[in-house]
């Protein structure tokens, strides 16, 4: 029987924490492209942009926002299944 995929449910996230996560994504994106600019390599700039876009799409698709009640219901479902 395959192992169930672990789930992470964040019940509380401050605005500052949210901004830090978003700013780290932007810094990663800018650093990857800047590295190509620094080395004067358009290919590295494109690769940096591609990796940055993939990162943004990956992070956006993982976020599932639940209200506190929805999160509690999901936790109860996981506990009942275990």
PDB file of N, CA and C in Angstrom:
ATOM      1  N   UNK A   1       0.849  -1.177   0.000  1.00  0.00           N
ATOM      2  CA  UNK A   1       0.000   0.000   0.000  1.00  0.00           C
ATOM      3  C   UNK A   1       0.894   1.240   0.000  1.00  0.00           C
ATOM      4  N   UNK A   2       0.672   2.174  -0.941  1.00  0.00           N
ATOM      5  CA  UNK A   2       1.525   3.365  -0.994  1.00  0.00           C
ATOM      6  C   UNK A   2       1.290   4.275   0.212  1.00  0.00           C
ATOM      7  N   UNK A   3       2.368   4.955   0.611  1.00  0.00           N
ATOM      8  CA  UNK A   3       2.260   5.875   1.735  1.00  0.00           C
ATOM      9  C   UNK A   3       1.450   7.098   1.314  1.00  0.00           C
ATOM     10  N   UNK A   4       0.580   7.586   2.185  1.00  0.00           N
ATOM     11  CA  UNK A   4      -0.168   8.799   1.832  1.00  0.00           C
ATOM     12  C   UNK A   4       0.768  10.009   1.792  1.00  0.00           C
ATOM     13  N   UNK A   5       0.471  10.904   0.897  1.00  0.00           N
ATOM     14  CA  UNK A   5       1.275  12.117   0.750  1.00  0.00           C
ATOM     15  C   UNK A   5       1.041  13.021   1.968  1.00  0.00           C
ATOM     16  N   UNK A   6       2.119  13.471   2.618  1.00  0.00           N
ATOM     17  CA  UNK A   6       1.924  14.328   3.793  1.00  0.00           C
ATOM     18  C   UNK A   6       1.329  15.682   3.399  1.00  0.00           C
ATOM     19  N   UNK A   7       0.498  16.200   4.270  1.00  0.00           N
ATOM     20  CA  UNK A   7      -0.116  17.508   4.044  1.00  0.00           C
ATOM     21  C   UNK A   7       0.339  18.468   5.128  1.00  0.00           C
ATOM     22  N   UNK A   8       0.559  19.702   4.746  1.00  0.00           N
ATOM     23  CA  UNK A   8       0.910  20.744   5.696  1.00  0.00           C
ATOM     24  C   UNK A   8      -0.226  21.749   5.701  1.00  0.00           C
ATOM     25  N   UNK A   9      -0.788  21.959   6.855  1.00  0.00           N
ATOM     26  CA  UNK A   9      -1.893  22.903   6.991  1.00  0.00           C
ATOM     27  C   UNK A   9      -1.445  24.007   7.930  1.00  0.00           C
ATOM     28  N   UNK A  10      -1.348  25.229   7.413  1.00  0.00           N
ATOM     29  CA  UNK A  10      -0.960  26.380   8.210  1.00  0.00           C
ATOM     30  C   UNK A  10      -2.235  27.047   8.692  1.00  0.00           C
ATOM     31  N   UNK A  11      -2.410  27.078   9.997  1.00  0.00           N
ATOM     32  CA  UNK A  11      -3.640  27.646  10.550  1.00  0.00           C
ATOM     33  C   UNK A  11      -3.549  29.159  10.726  1.00  0.00           C
ATOM     34  N   UNK A  12      -2.324  29.668  10.814  1.00  0.00           N
ATOM     35  CA  UNK A  12      -2.186  31.105  11.002  1.00  0.00           C
ATOM     36  C   UNK A  12      -0.941  31.586  10.272  1.00  0.00           C
ATOM     37  N   UNK A  13      -1.089  32.626   9.488  1.00  0.00           N
ATOM     38  CA  UNK A  13       0.045  33.221   8.791  1.00  0.00           C
ATOM     39  C   UNK A  13      -0.150  34.729   8.826  1.00  0.00           C
ATOM     40  N   UNK A  14       0.839  35.423   9.343  1.00  0.00           N
ATOM     41  CA  UNK A  14       0.726  36.870   9.419  1.00  0.00           C
ATOM     42  C   UNK A  14       0.984  37.488   8.046  1.00  0.00           C
ATOM     43  N   UNK A  15       0.630  38.737   7.918  1.00  0.00           N
ATOM     44  CA  UNK A  15       0.867  39.454   6.670  1.00  0.00           C
ATOM     45  C   UNK A  15       2.368  39.541   6.413  1.00  0.00           C
ATOM     46  N   UNK A  16       3.147  39.770   7.463  1.00  0.00           N
ATOM     47  CA  UNK A  16       4.595  39.855   7.320  1.00  0.00           C
ATOM     48  C   UNK A  16       5.169  38.535   6.797  1.00  0.00           C
ATOM     49  N   UNK A  17       4.703  37.417   7.327  1.00  0.00           N
ATOM     50  CA  UNK A  17       5.176  36.117   6.847  1.00  0.00           C
ATOM     51  C   UNK A  17       4.818  35.909   5.387  1.00  0.00           C
ATOM     52  N   UNK A  18       3.640  36.314   5.001  1.00  0.00           N
ATOM     53  CA  UNK A  18       3.221  36.191   3.609  1.00  0.00           C
ATOM     54  C   UNK A  18       4.096  37.055   2.704  1.00  0.00           C
ATOM     55  N   UNK A  19       4.372  38.292   3.128  1.00  0.00           N
ATOM     56  CA  UNK A  19       5.242  39.177   2.350  1.00  0.00           C
ATOM     57  C   UNK A  19       6.649  38.608   2.233  1.00  0.00           C
ATOM     58  N   UNK A  20       7.159  37.987   3.296  1.00  0.00           N
ATOM     59  CA  UNK A  20       8.497  37.411   3.248  1.00  0.00           C
ATOM     60  C   UNK A  20       8.576  36.268   2.239  1.00  0.00           C
ATOM     61  N   UNK A  21       7.566  35.434   2.205  1.00  0.00           N
ATOM     62  CA  UNK A  21       7.540  34.333   1.235  1.00  0.00           C
ATOM     63  C   UNK A  21       7.497  34.894  -0.186  1.00  0.00           C
ATOM     64  N   UNK A  22       6.635  35.877  -0.415  1.00  0.00           N
ATOM     65  CA  UNK A  22       6.513  36.463  -1.749  1.00  0.00           C
ATOM     66  C   UNK A  22       7.784  37.199  -2.162  1.00  0.00           C
ATOM     67  N   UNK A  23       8.398  37.916  -1.230  1.00  0.00           N
ATOM     68  CA  UNK A  23       9.622  38.645  -1.568  1.00  0.00           C
ATOM     69  C   UNK A  23      10.779  37.695  -1.838  1.00  0.00           C
ATOM     70  N   UNK A  24      10.826  36.559  -1.136  1.00  0.00           N
ATOM     71  CA  UNK A  24      11.900  35.594  -1.415  1.00  0.00           C
ATOM     72  C   UNK A  24      11.750  35.009  -2.819  1.00  0.00           C
ATOM     73  N   UNK A  25      10.526  34.822  -3.278  1.00  0.00           N
ATOM     74  CA  UNK A  25      10.299  34.353  -4.644  1.00  0.00           C
ATOM     75  C   UNK A  25      10.791  35.391  -5.644  1.00  0.00           C
ATOM     76  N   UNK A  26      10.489  36.654  -5.388  1.00  0.00           N
ATOM     77  CA  UNK A  26      10.938  37.725  -6.280  1.00  0.00           C
ATOM     78  C   UNK A  26      12.456  37.833  -6.293  1.00  0.00           C
ATOM     79  N   UNK A  27      13.096  37.721  -5.127  1.00  0.00           N
ATOM     80  CA  UNK A  27      14.558  37.811  -5.048  1.00  0.00           C
ATOM     81  C   UNK A  27      15.198  36.660  -5.825  1.00  0.00           C
ATOM     82  N   UNK A  28      14.645  35.456  -5.703  1.00  0.00           N
ATOM     83  CA  UNK A  28      15.153  34.318  -6.462  1.00  0.00           C
ATOM     84  C   UNK A  28      15.052  34.594  -7.962  1.00  0.00           C
ATOM     85  N   UNK A  29      13.913  35.076  -8.392  1.00  0.00           N
ATOM     86  CA  UNK A  29      13.672  35.383  -9.795  1.00  0.00           C
ATOM     87  C   UNK A  29      14.667  36.432 -10.291  1.00  0.00           C
ATOM     88  N   UNK A  30      14.827  37.515  -9.546  1.00  0.00           N
ATOM     89  CA  UNK A  30      15.740  38.594  -9.937  1.00  0.00           C
ATOM     90  C   UNK A  30      17.199  38.127  -9.920  1.00  0.00           C
ATOM     91  N   UNK A  31      17.577  37.323  -8.936  1.00  0.00           N
ATOM     92  CA  UNK A  31      18.961  36.857  -8.837  1.00  0.00           C
ATOM     93  C   UNK A  31      19.327  35.953 -10.015  1.00  0.00           C
ATOM     94  N   UNK A  32      18.409  35.084 -10.409  1.00  0.00           N
ATOM     95  CA  UNK A  32      18.702  34.191 -11.525  1.00  0.00           C
ATOM     96  C   UNK A  32      18.932  34.963 -12.819  1.00  0.00           C
ATOM     97  N   UNK A  33      18.107  35.962 -13.075  1.00  0.00           N
ATOM     98  CA  UNK A  33      18.272  36.761 -14.287  1.00  0.00           C
ATOM     99  C   UNK A  33      19.505  37.656 -14.171  1.00  0.00           C
ATOM    100  N   UNK A  34      19.737  38.225 -13.003  1.00  0.00           N
ATOM    101  CA  UNK A  34      20.886  39.112 -12.802  1.00  0.00           C
ATOM    102  C   UNK A  34      22.205  38.378 -12.991  1.00  0.00           C
ATOM    103  N   UNK A  35      22.240  37.109 -12.622  1.00  0.00           N
ATOM    104  CA  UNK A  35      23.445  36.318 -12.816  1.00  0.00           C
ATOM    105  C   UNK A  35      23.789  36.245 -14.301  1.00  0.00           C
ATOM    106  N   UNK A  36      22.791  36.065 -15.143  1.00  0.00           N
ATOM    107  CA  UNK A  36      23.004  36.054 -16.587  1.00  0.00           C
ATOM    108  C   UNK A  36      23.423  37.408 -17.119  1.00  0.00           C
ATOM    109  N   UNK A  37      22.858  38.482 -16.565  1.00  0.00           N
ATOM    110  CA  UNK A  37      23.238  39.834 -16.978  1.00  0.00           C
ATOM    111  C   UNK A  37      24.691  40.094 -16.590  1.00  0.00           C
ATOM    112  N   UNK A  38      25.066  39.696 -15.367  1.00  0.00           N
ATOM    113  CA  UNK A  38      26.432  39.900 -14.871  1.00  0.00           C
ATOM    114  C   UNK A  38      27.445  39.195 -15.772  1.00  0.00           C
ATOM    115  N   UNK A  39      27.105  37.998 -16.239  1.00  0.00           N
ATOM    116  CA  UNK A  39      28.018  37.250 -17.105  1.00  0.00           C
ATOM    117  C   UNK A  39      27.827  37.581 -18.583  1.00  0.00           C
ATOM    118  N   UNK A  40      26.926  38.513 -18.884  1.00  0.00           N
ATOM    119  CA  UNK A  40      26.631  38.936 -20.252  1.00  0.00           C
ATOM    120  C   UNK A  40      26.240  37.747 -21.128  1.00  0.00           C
ATOM    121  N   UNK A  41      25.361  36.921 -20.590  1.00  0.00           N
ATOM    122  CA  UNK A  41      24.916  35.723 -21.308  1.00  0.00           C
ATOM    123  C   UNK A  41      23.394  35.761 -21.427  1.00  0.00           C
ATOM    124  N   UNK A  42      22.921  35.974 -22.638  1.00  0.00           N
ATOM    125  CA  UNK A  42      21.472  36.020 -22.818  1.00  0.00           C
ATOM    126  C   UNK A  42      20.852  34.640 -22.584  1.00  0.00           C
ATOM    127  N   UNK A  43      21.600  33.572 -22.879  1.00  0.00           N
ATOM    128  CA  UNK A  43      21.072  32.231 -22.641  1.00  0.00           C
ATOM    129  C   UNK A  43      20.835  32.015 -21.143  1.00  0.00           C
ATOM    130  N   UNK A  44      21.755  32.469 -20.305  1.00  0.00           N
ATOM    131  CA  UNK A  44      21.579  32.316 -18.857  1.00  0.00           C
ATOM    132  C   UNK A  44      20.431  33.179 -18.354  1.00  0.00           C
ATOM    133  N   UNK A  45      20.227  34.335 -18.966  1.00  0.00           N
ATOM    134  CA  UNK A  45      19.091  35.171 -18.586  1.00  0.00           C
ATOM    135  C   UNK A  45      17.784  34.452 -18.894  1.00  0.00           C
ATOM    136  N   UNK A  46      17.696  33.834 -20.057  1.00  0.00           N
ATOM    137  CA  UNK A  46      16.488  33.106 -20.431  1.00  0.00           C
ATOM    138  C   UNK A  46      16.274  31.894 -19.533  1.00  0.00           C
ATOM    139  N   UNK A  47      17.350  31.181 -19.225  1.00  0.00           N
ATOM    140  CA  UNK A  47      17.225  30.027 -18.334  1.00  0.00           C
ATOM    141  C   UNK A  47      16.790  30.502 -16.952  1.00  0.00           C
ATOM    142  N   UNK A  48      17.367  31.609 -16.469  1.00  0.00           N
ATOM    143  CA  UNK A  48      16.961  32.162 -15.178  1.00  0.00           C
ATOM    144  C   UNK A  48      15.496  32.551 -15.167  1.00  0.00           C
ATOM    145  N   UNK A  49      15.039  33.166 -16.257  1.00  0.00           N
ATOM    146  CA  UNK A  49      13.631  33.554 -16.353  1.00  0.00           C
ATOM    147  C   UNK A  49      12.737  32.314 -16.381  1.00  0.00           C
ATOM    148  N   UNK A  50      13.152  31.291 -17.122  1.00  0.00           N
ATOM    149  CA  UNK A  50      12.362  30.060 -17.198  1.00  0.00           C
ATOM    150  C   UNK A  50      12.273  29.378 -15.830  1.00  0.00           C
ATOM    151  N   UNK A  51      13.389  29.281 -15.129  1.00  0.00           N
ATOM    152  CA  UNK A  51      13.380  28.681 -13.790  1.00  0.00           C
ATOM    153  C   UNK A  51      12.528  29.524 -12.844  1.00  0.00           C
ATOM    154  N   UNK A  52      12.639  30.850 -12.946  1.00  0.00           N
ATOM    155  CA  UNK A  52      11.833  31.734 -12.113  1.00  0.00           C
ATOM    156  C   UNK A  52      10.343  31.561 -12.363  1.00  0.00           C
ATOM    157  N   UNK A  53       9.949  31.493 -13.622  1.00  0.00           N
ATOM    158  CA  UNK A  53       8.537  31.295 -13.941  1.00  0.00           C
ATOM    159  C   UNK A  53       8.033  29.941 -13.446  1.00  0.00           C
ATOM    160  N   UNK A  54       8.862  28.910 -13.608  1.00  0.00           N
ATOM    161  CA  UNK A  54       8.468  27.582 -13.106  1.00  0.00           C
ATOM    162  C   UNK A  54       8.299  27.608 -11.584  1.00  0.00           C
ATOM    163  N   UNK A  55       9.172  28.341 -10.906  1.00  0.00           N
ATOM    164  CA  UNK A  55       9.067  28.470  -9.451  1.00  0.00           C
ATOM    165  C   UNK A  55       7.777  29.175  -9.057  1.00  0.00           C
ATOM    166  N   UNK A  56       7.466  30.255  -9.749  1.00  0.00           N
ATOM    167  CA  UNK A  56       6.247  31.004  -9.444  1.00  0.00           C
ATOM    168  C   UNK A  56       5.007  30.144  -9.696  1.00  0.00           C
ATOM    169  N   UNK A  57       4.970  29.440 -10.814  1.00  0.00           N
ATOM    170  CA  UNK A  57       3.830  28.582 -11.121  1.00  0.00           C
ATOM    171  C   UNK A  57       3.719  27.461 -10.089  1.00  0.00           C
ATOM    172  N   UNK A  58       4.850  26.882  -9.709  1.00  0.00           N
ATOM    173  CA  UNK A  58       4.835  25.809  -8.714  1.00  0.00           C
ATOM    174  C   UNK A  58       4.334  26.271  -7.364  1.00  0.00           C
ATOM    175  N   UNK A  59       4.779  27.427  -6.937  1.00  0.00           N
ATOM    176  CA  UNK A  59       4.322  27.946  -5.638  1.00  0.00           C
ATOM    177  C   UNK A  59       2.859  28.354  -5.685  1.00  0.00           C
ATOM    178  N   UNK A  60       2.429  28.891  -6.801  1.00  0.00           N
ATOM    179  CA  UNK A  60       1.030  29.318  -6.904  1.00  0.00           C
ATOM    180  C   UNK A  60       0.083  28.119  -6.926  1.00  0.00           C
ATOM    181  N   UNK A  61       0.511  27.032  -7.550  1.00  0.00           N
ATOM    182  CA  UNK A  61      -0.382  25.877  -7.647  1.00  0.00           C
ATOM    183  C   UNK A  61      -0.464  25.101  -6.335  1.00  0.00           C
ATOM    184  N   UNK A  62       0.517  25.257  -5.450  1.00  0.00           N
ATOM    185  CA  UNK A  62       0.500  24.541  -4.175  1.00  0.00           C
ATOM    186  C   UNK A  62      -0.390  25.192  -3.137  1.00  0.00           C
ATOM    187  N   UNK A  63      -0.613  26.473  -3.267  1.00  0.00           N
ATOM    188  CA  UNK A  63      -1.350  27.196  -2.233  1.00  0.00           C
ATOM    189  C   UNK A  63      -2.837  26.879  -2.311  1.00  0.00           C
ATOM    190  N   UNK A  64      -3.344  26.337  -1.241  1.00  0.00           N
ATOM    191  CA  UNK A  64      -4.770  26.087  -1.137  1.00  0.00           C
ATOM    192  C   UNK A  64      -5.222  26.794   0.135  1.00  0.00           C
ATOM    193  N   UNK A  65      -5.942  27.850  -0.034  1.00  0.00           N
ATOM    194  CA  UNK A  65      -6.384  28.640   1.105  1.00  0.00           C
ATOM    195  C   UNK A  65      -7.653  28.051   1.693  1.00  0.00           C
ATOM    196  N   UNK A  66      -7.622  27.795   2.987  1.00  0.00           N
ATOM    197  CA  UNK A  66      -8.789  27.290   3.693  1.00  0.00           C
ATOM    198  C   UNK A  66      -9.103  28.224   4.851  1.00  0.00           C
ATOM    199  N   UNK A  67     -10.375  28.330   5.179  1.00  0.00           N
ATOM    200  CA  UNK A  67     -10.738  29.065   6.386  1.00  0.00           C
ATOM    201  C   UNK A  67     -10.366  28.191   7.582  1.00  0.00           C
ATOM    202  N   UNK A  68     -10.432  28.750   8.769  1.00  0.00           N
ATOM    203  CA  UNK A  68     -10.081  27.977   9.968  1.00  0.00           C
ATOM    204  C   UNK A  68     -10.990  26.763  10.118  1.00  0.00           C
ATOM    205  N   UNK A  69     -12.283  26.958   9.877  1.00  0.00           N
ATOM    206  CA  UNK A  69     -13.236  25.844   9.997  1.00  0.00           C
ATOM    207  C   UNK A  69     -12.981  24.764   8.944  1.00  0.00           C
ATOM    208  N   UNK A  70     -12.669  25.179   7.708  1.00  0.00           N
ATOM    209  CA  UNK A  70     -12.357  24.214   6.661  1.00  0.00           C
ATOM    210  C   UNK A  70     -11.087  23.435   6.988  1.00  0.00           C
ATOM    211  N   UNK A  71     -10.102  24.124   7.538  1.00  0.00           N
ATOM    212  CA  UNK A  71      -8.853  23.453   7.922  1.00  0.00           C
ATOM    213  C   UNK A  71      -9.103  22.450   9.043  1.00  0.00           C
ATOM    214  N   UNK A  72      -9.910  22.825  10.024  1.00  0.00           N
ATOM    215  CA  UNK A  72     -10.218  21.912  11.128  1.00  0.00           C
ATOM    216  C   UNK A  72     -10.965  20.681  10.605  1.00  0.00           C
ATOM    217  N   UNK A  73     -11.890  20.892   9.659  1.00  0.00           N
ATOM    218  CA  UNK A  73     -12.626  19.780   9.071  1.00  0.00           C
ATOM    219  C   UNK A  73     -11.674  18.852   8.322  1.00  0.00           C
ATOM    220  N   UNK A  74     -10.716  19.420   7.583  1.00  0.00           N
ATOM    221  CA  UNK A  74      -9.735  18.615   6.841  1.00  0.00           C
ATOM    222  C   UNK A  74      -8.848  17.829   7.801  1.00  0.00           C
ATOM    223  N   UNK A  75      -8.441  18.434   8.901  1.00  0.00           N
ATOM    224  CA  UNK A  75      -7.630  17.736   9.898  1.00  0.00           C
ATOM    225  C   UNK A  75      -8.422  16.586  10.502  1.00  0.00           C
ATOM    226  N   UNK A  76      -9.698  16.813  10.807  1.00  0.00           N
ATOM    227  CA  UNK A  76     -10.538  15.746  11.348  1.00  0.00           C
ATOM    228  C   UNK A  76     -10.669  14.586  10.352  1.00  0.00           C
ATOM    229  N   UNK A  77     -10.793  14.895   9.059  1.00  0.00           N
ATOM    230  CA  UNK A  77     -10.876  13.857   8.041  1.00  0.00           C
ATOM    231  C   UNK A  77      -9.589  13.040   7.988  1.00  0.00           C
ATOM    232  N   UNK A  78      -8.444  13.722   8.074  1.00  0.00           N
ATOM    233  CA  UNK A  78      -7.164  13.017   8.048  1.00  0.00           C
ATOM    234  C   UNK A  78      -6.989  12.128   9.280  1.00  0.00           C
ATOM    235  N   UNK A  79      -7.415  12.617  10.427  1.00  0.00           N
ATOM    236  CA  UNK A  79      -7.306  11.819  11.644  1.00  0.00           C
ATOM    237  C   UNK A  79      -8.236  10.602  11.591  1.00  0.00           C
ATOM    238  N   UNK A  80      -9.420  10.769  11.014  1.00  0.00           N
ATOM    239  CA  UNK A  80     -10.362   9.652  10.915  1.00  0.00           C
ATOM    240  C   UNK A  80      -9.854   8.587   9.943  1.00  0.00           C
ATOM    241  N   UNK A  81      -9.150   9.016   8.908  1.00  0.00           N
ATOM    242  CA  UNK A  81      -8.631   8.071   7.923  1.00  0.00           C
ATOM    243  C   UNK A  81      -7.424   7.293   8.444  1.00  0.00           C
ATOM    244  N   UNK A  82      -6.743   7.850   9.442  1.00  0.00           N
ATOM    245  CA  UNK A  82      -5.516   7.201   9.945  1.00  0.00           C
ATOM    246  C   UNK A  82      -5.807   6.040  10.869  1.00  0.00           C
TER     247      UNK A  82
END
